[in-house]
Amino acid sequence: MASSYTGTFRCVILSAKQLIFEGEVNSVFISGDRGEYELLAYHYPLIGIVAGDVVLDWDKRLVVKGGVVRFFANECTIMIEEKQVASE
């Protein structure tokens, strides 16, 4: 059964080189070290490993090699290691 709850939270995604994303989102979906997670507004505090891509609002996919996620006080901060794209 789909929920009608539409709360948002602040999400910041950083790499060692740059700010990748900053803004309000409805959900963040990550593959972590202990399974898959969908983070919604007011999720319980969480610190974990990102082991795959990050999807924002089931729409925007960020291809990552790995990283660390922290969700606290209705803010999600993700520090990622970007995948290297082969140059031609």
Protein backbone atom coordinates (compact mmCIF):
# COMPACT_ATOMS: atom_id res chain seq x y z
CA MET A 1 0.00 0.00 0.00
CA ALA A 2 1.52 3.33 -1.04
CA SER A 3 1.82 6.03 1.57
CA SER A 4 0.40 9.51 1.01
CA TYR A 5 3.12 11.06 3.19
CA THR A 6 5.13 13.60 1.19
CA GLY A 7 7.60 15.10 3.67
CA THR A 8 10.94 16.34 2.38
CA PHE A 9 14.42 16.53 3.84
CA ARG A 10 17.70 18.20 2.99
CA CYS A 11 20.21 16.10 1.06
CA VAL A 12 23.85 16.98 0.44
CA ILE A 13 26.05 14.78 -1.75
CA LEU A 14 29.79 15.50 -1.89
CA SER A 15 32.85 13.98 -3.47
CA ALA A 16 36.43 14.73 -2.54
CA LYS A 17 36.53 17.21 -5.44
CA GLN A 18 33.13 18.94 -5.48
CA LEU A 19 29.60 19.46 -4.24
CA ILE A 20 27.48 17.15 -6.41
CA PHE A 21 23.97 17.87 -5.13
CA GLU A 22 22.30 19.99 -2.48
CA GLY A 23 18.56 20.37 -2.10
CA GLU A 24 15.24 19.13 -0.76
CA VAL A 25 14.17 15.59 -1.71
CA ASN A 26 11.33 13.21 -0.91
CA SER A 27 13.47 10.07 -0.86
CA VAL A 28 17.00 8.75 -1.27
CA PHE A 29 17.54 5.13 -2.25
CA ILE A 30 20.94 3.56 -1.62
CA SER A 31 22.52 0.13 -1.72
CA GLY A 32 24.41 -0.25 1.52
CA ASP A 33 26.69 -2.65 3.27
CA ARG A 34 23.69 -4.37 4.88
CA GLY A 35 21.15 -4.25 2.08
CA GLU A 36 19.08 -1.66 0.27
CA TYR A 37 17.66 1.40 2.00
CA GLU A 38 15.08 4.00 1.12
CA LEU A 39 15.51 7.06 3.31
CA LEU A 40 12.44 9.22 3.84
CA ALA A 41 11.85 12.39 5.87
CA TYR A 42 12.52 11.95 9.60
CA HIS A 43 14.24 8.59 9.11
CA TYR A 44 15.89 7.28 12.27
CA PRO A 45 19.53 8.38 12.69
CA LEU A 46 21.78 6.27 10.48
CA ILE A 47 25.44 5.97 9.57
CA GLY A 48 26.33 3.43 6.90
CA ILE A 49 28.34 2.45 3.86
CA VAL A 50 27.12 3.20 0.33
CA ALA A 51 28.01 0.21 -1.82
CA GLY A 52 26.31 1.21 -5.06
CA ASP A 53 24.45 3.94 -6.90
CA VAL A 54 22.36 6.63 -5.19
CA VAL A 55 18.87 7.43 -6.51
CA LEU A 56 17.13 10.70 -5.60
CA ASP A 57 13.32 10.83 -5.68
CA TRP A 58 13.26 7.66 -7.81
CA ASP A 59 14.31 9.87 -10.71
CA LYS A 60 17.95 10.99 -10.65
CA ARG A 61 20.66 8.30 -10.45
CA LEU A 62 24.21 9.07 -9.38
CA VAL A 63 26.72 6.41 -10.39
CA VAL A 64 29.14 5.94 -7.50
CA LYS A 65 31.91 3.55 -6.55
CA GLY A 66 31.11 3.74 -2.84
CA GLY A 67 30.81 6.12 0.04
CA VAL A 68 29.43 6.91 3.48
CA VAL A 69 25.92 8.10 4.39
CA ARG A 70 24.78 9.91 7.53
CA PHE A 71 21.15 10.72 8.24
CA PHE A 72 20.56 12.90 11.29
CA ALA A 73 18.12 15.70 12.23
CA ASN A 74 16.21 15.31 8.93
CA GLU A 75 19.36 15.86 6.85
CA CYS A 76 21.09 13.27 4.68
CA THR A 77 24.78 13.78 3.97
CA ILE A 78 26.51 11.40 1.56
CA MET A 79 30.25 11.50 0.87
CA ILE A 80 30.87 9.50 -2.30
CA GLU A 81 33.73 8.15 -4.37
CA GLU A 82 32.79 8.66 -8.01
CA LYS A 83 33.27 5.93 -10.59
CA GLN A 84 35.93 6.70 -13.16
CA VAL A 85 34.62 7.07 -16.69
CA ALA A 86 36.93 5.61 -19.35
CA SER A 87 38.08 8.22 -21.87
CA GLU A 88 38.26 7.36 -25.53
